[in-house]
Amino acid sequence: MLLDYEQSIWNQGRLHIAGVDEVGRGCLFGDVVAAAVILPPGLVLEEVNDSKKLSVKKRENLYELINREAISIGIGIVDVRTIEQINIKQAARLAMKQAVEKLNPSPDYLLVDAEKVDLPIEQMAIIHGDALSQSIAAASIIAKVTRDRMCLQWEIEFPEYGIALHKGYATKLHRERILEYGATPLHRKTFLRNILVEVEQQELF
């Protein structure tokens, strides 16, 4: 059951448990987005699961449901320039911290998907947490839908790259378009070294 972790913490009298997750860590393009979600104690959202396992339509429906039911939701976004400066792991942690700091009321416990949030709040990192905790799964859905909607805007700005299709991940299509058109200001240059070396080699011949 996806409430086992939450139930043990609720039983200790702590009622504002925030699930925390991020999306976009492995992308070649765009910001990294994190969400933190506090759900009411005892609430069961039957279809909430790891966002990667859900269809687009299901994620959108659950996004609306979570927004209606949650006590509080926080979103953190860290841009490409910062990702390049501090590396993606630290950027993902910063996005998580931002998301938690936006919660009102403040949480008294954090359940985090395989990471540590740099705040003085008691917390538990859970490997594959988005498949094991309803709170983390809810955060994964909020973060995923938020970033996917950002991808639709990026698609308008950079229509050649197919961002709406691959969401910035290193698909064959995306790599081919980078080779054809070069990198945009929203591409993570540190992620593109091998691809850009390939471009430079092509330009030599």
Protein backbone atom coordinates (compact mmCIF):
# COMPACT_ATOMS: atom_id res chain seq x y z
CA MET A 1 0.00 0.00 0.00
CA LEU A 2 1.33 3.45 -0.91
CA LEU A 3 0.52 4.87 2.54
CA ASP A 4 2.69 2.58 4.69
CA TYR A 5 5.43 5.20 5.17
CA GLU A 6 2.92 8.00 5.76
CA GLN A 7 0.87 5.96 8.23
CA SER A 8 3.84 5.23 10.47
CA ILE A 9 4.67 8.96 10.61
CA TRP A 10 1.05 10.04 11.15
CA ASN A 11 0.98 7.58 14.05
CA GLN A 12 3.77 9.64 15.63
CA GLY A 13 1.49 12.69 15.60
CA ARG A 14 3.09 14.46 12.64
CA LEU A 15 0.33 15.33 10.22
CA HIS A 16 1.96 17.58 7.62
CA ILE A 17 4.04 15.10 5.64
CA ALA A 18 5.40 16.43 2.36
CA GLY A 19 6.26 14.12 -0.50
CA VAL A 20 9.07 15.55 -2.64
CA ASP A 21 10.21 14.59 -6.15
CA GLU A 22 11.84 16.14 -9.22
CA VAL A 23 11.69 15.66 -12.97
CA GLY A 24 14.08 16.58 -15.77
CA ARG A 25 17.33 15.49 -14.15
CA GLY A 26 18.38 13.38 -17.14
CA CYS A 27 17.34 15.82 -19.88
CA LEU A 28 19.64 17.49 -22.40
CA PHE A 29 17.36 20.53 -22.54
CA GLY A 30 15.48 22.79 -20.18
CA ASP A 31 15.00 23.47 -16.49
CA VAL A 32 14.75 20.91 -13.71
CA VAL A 33 11.43 21.02 -11.82
CA ALA A 34 10.57 19.75 -8.34
CA ALA A 35 7.32 19.54 -6.42
CA ALA A 36 6.43 19.11 -2.77
CA VAL A 37 2.93 17.98 -1.80
CA ILE A 38 1.21 17.72 1.59
CA LEU A 39 -1.91 15.53 1.45
CA PRO A 40 -4.51 15.27 4.23
CA PRO A 41 -3.85 12.45 6.72
CA GLY A 42 -5.67 9.28 5.74
CA LEU A 43 -6.61 10.44 2.25
CA VAL A 44 -6.38 7.61 -0.29
CA LEU A 45 -5.95 8.55 -3.95
CA GLU A 46 -6.42 5.17 -5.60
CA GLU A 47 -4.87 5.88 -9.00
CA VAL A 48 -1.92 7.98 -7.86
CA ASN A 49 1.32 6.24 -8.84
CA ASP A 50 4.77 6.93 -10.22
CA SER A 51 4.13 9.54 -12.94
CA LYS A 52 6.27 7.59 -15.43
CA LYS A 53 3.77 4.72 -15.29
CA LEU A 54 0.75 6.87 -16.13
CA SER A 55 -0.67 8.01 -19.46
CA VAL A 56 -0.65 11.72 -20.30
CA LYS A 57 -4.43 11.93 -19.83
CA LYS A 58 -4.28 10.11 -16.49
CA ARG A 59 -1.49 12.37 -15.24
CA GLU A 60 -3.47 15.47 -16.21
CA ASN A 61 -6.59 14.20 -14.43
CA LEU A 62 -4.62 13.30 -11.31
CA TYR A 63 -2.83 16.66 -11.42
CA GLU A 64 -6.22 18.37 -11.11
CA LEU A 65 -7.34 15.96 -8.37
CA ILE A 66 -4.16 16.49 -6.33
CA ASN A 67 -4.52 20.26 -6.66
CA ARG A 68 -8.06 20.01 -5.30
CA GLU A 69 -7.26 17.65 -2.43
CA ALA A 70 -3.81 18.74 -1.24
CA ILE A 71 -3.31 20.83 1.88
CA SER A 72 -0.40 22.54 0.16
CA ILE A 73 1.71 22.28 -3.02
CA GLY A 74 5.08 23.88 -3.70
CA ILE A 75 6.96 24.04 -7.02
CA GLY A 76 10.69 24.64 -7.45
CA ILE A 77 12.33 25.41 -10.80
CA VAL A 78 16.06 25.71 -11.47
CA ASP A 79 17.14 27.05 -14.84
CA VAL A 80 19.75 25.80 -17.29
CA ARG A 81 22.32 28.46 -16.38
CA THR A 82 22.25 27.36 -12.75
CA ILE A 83 22.36 23.68 -13.72
CA GLU A 84 25.55 24.40 -15.67
CA GLN A 85 27.06 26.30 -12.74
CA ILE A 86 26.36 23.91 -9.88
CA ASN A 87 25.76 20.55 -11.69
CA ILE A 88 22.49 18.71 -12.14
CA LYS A 89 22.52 16.84 -8.83
CA GLN A 90 22.85 20.06 -6.84
CA ALA A 91 20.32 21.79 -9.11
CA ALA A 92 17.77 19.03 -8.48
CA ARG A 93 18.34 19.34 -4.74
CA LEU A 94 17.96 23.13 -4.97
CA ALA A 95 14.66 22.74 -6.84
CA MET A 96 13.44 20.38 -4.11
CA LYS A 97 14.45 22.86 -1.42
CA GLN A 98 12.61 25.67 -3.22
CA ALA A 99 9.50 23.51 -3.51
CA VAL A 100 9.46 22.65 0.20
CA GLU A 101 10.05 26.29 1.20
CA LYS A 102 6.90 27.31 -0.69
CA LEU A 103 4.65 25.02 1.33
CA ASN A 104 2.16 26.60 3.71
CA PRO A 105 1.82 25.23 6.32
CA SER A 106 5.41 24.14 6.63
CA PRO A 107 5.83 20.36 6.70
CA ASP A 108 6.92 18.54 9.84
CA TYR A 109 8.35 15.58 7.90
CA LEU A 110 9.64 14.97 4.35
CA LEU A 111 9.44 11.82 2.26
CA VAL A 112 11.91 12.32 -0.59
CA ASP A 113 12.53 10.30 -3.72
CA ALA A 114 16.11 9.02 -3.31
CA GLU A 115 17.56 12.38 -2.28
CA LYS A 116 18.21 14.72 0.65
CA VAL A 117 16.65 18.17 0.92
CA ASP A 118 18.98 20.75 2.44
CA LEU A 119 16.60 21.91 5.15
CA PRO A 120 16.47 21.26 8.92
CA ILE A 121 13.35 19.11 8.65
CA GLU A 122 13.33 15.44 9.57
CA GLN A 123 13.18 13.42 6.38
CA MET A 124 13.51 10.01 4.79
CA ALA A 125 15.02 9.27 1.39
CA ILE A 126 13.20 6.37 -0.28
CA ILE A 127 14.68 4.61 -3.31
CA HIS A 128 11.96 4.38 -5.99
CA GLY A 129 9.86 6.45 -3.61
CA ASP A 130 7.47 7.53 -6.37
CA ALA A 131 6.34 3.90 -6.61
CA LEU A 132 6.22 3.31 -2.82
CA SER A 133 4.75 6.47 -1.27
CA GLN A 134 1.51 8.19 -2.25
CA SER A 135 2.92 11.58 -1.20
CA ILE A 136 6.03 11.21 -3.36
CA ALA A 137 3.95 9.84 -6.25
CA ALA A 138 1.68 12.90 -6.00
CA ALA A 139 4.75 15.17 -6.09
CA SER A 140 6.08 13.29 -9.13
CA ILE A 141 2.79 13.90 -10.96
CA ILE A 142 2.74 17.62 -10.11
CA ALA A 143 6.38 18.03 -11.18
CA LYS A 144 5.94 16.02 -14.38
CA VAL A 145 2.80 17.84 -15.57
CA THR A 146 4.34 21.21 -14.68
CA ARG A 147 7.47 20.49 -16.71
CA ASP A 148 5.54 18.94 -19.61
CA ARG A 149 3.52 22.15 -19.88
CA MET A 150 6.78 24.11 -19.93
CA CYS A 151 7.91 21.85 -22.79
CA LEU A 152 4.89 22.94 -24.82
CA GLN A 153 6.05 26.54 -24.46
CA TRP A 154 9.61 25.59 -25.39
CA GLU A 155 8.21 23.82 -28.46
CA ILE A 156 6.84 27.18 -29.64
CA GLU A 157 10.21 28.88 -29.05
CA PHE A 158 12.30 26.12 -30.62
CA PRO A 159 10.01 24.22 -33.04
CA GLU A 160 12.86 22.46 -34.87
CA TYR A 161 13.81 20.22 -31.94
CA GLY A 162 10.62 18.28 -31.17
CA ILE A 163 10.63 19.25 -27.49
CA ALA A 164 6.92 18.49 -27.08
CA LEU A 165 7.60 14.90 -28.15
CA HIS A 166 10.73 13.95 -26.20
CA LYS A 167 10.51 16.55 -23.39
CA GLY A 168 14.22 17.29 -23.71
CA TYR A 169 15.49 13.75 -23.17
CA ALA A 170 18.26 12.27 -25.31
CA THR A 171 16.11 10.47 -27.86
CA LYS A 172 17.37 9.65 -31.34
CA LEU A 173 15.21 12.44 -32.79
CA HIS A 174 16.55 14.99 -30.31
CA ARG A 175 20.19 14.05 -30.93
CA GLU A 176 19.64 14.24 -34.69
CA ARG A 177 18.07 17.71 -34.42
CA ILE A 178 20.97 18.95 -32.27
CA LEU A 179 23.40 17.70 -34.90
CA GLU A 180 21.35 19.41 -37.60
CA TYR A 181 20.59 22.75 -35.93
CA GLY A 182 23.13 23.05 -33.12
CA ALA A 183 22.42 23.76 -29.46
CA THR A 184 19.98 26.39 -28.19
CA PRO A 185 20.52 28.57 -25.10
CA LEU A 186 18.30 26.10 -23.21
CA HIS A 187 20.43 23.07 -24.00
CA ARG A 188 22.65 21.89 -21.15
CA LYS A 189 26.08 22.22 -22.74
CA THR A 190 27.72 20.00 -20.13
CA PHE A 191 25.33 17.22 -21.17
CA LEU A 192 26.12 17.68 -24.86
CA ARG A 193 29.87 17.18 -24.96
CA ASN A 194 29.85 14.00 -27.02
CA ILE A 195 27.19 15.31 -29.40
CA LEU A 196 28.94 18.67 -29.84
CA VAL A 197 32.28 16.94 -30.48
CA GLU A 198 30.50 15.06 -33.25
CA VAL A 199 29.27 18.39 -34.67
CA GLU A 200 32.80 19.84 -34.60
CA GLN A 201 34.19 16.80 -36.37
CA GLN A 202 31.54 17.15 -39.09
CA GLU A 203 32.50 20.79 -39.56
CA LEU A 204 36.13 19.82 -40.19
CA PHE A 205 35.22 17.80 -43.27
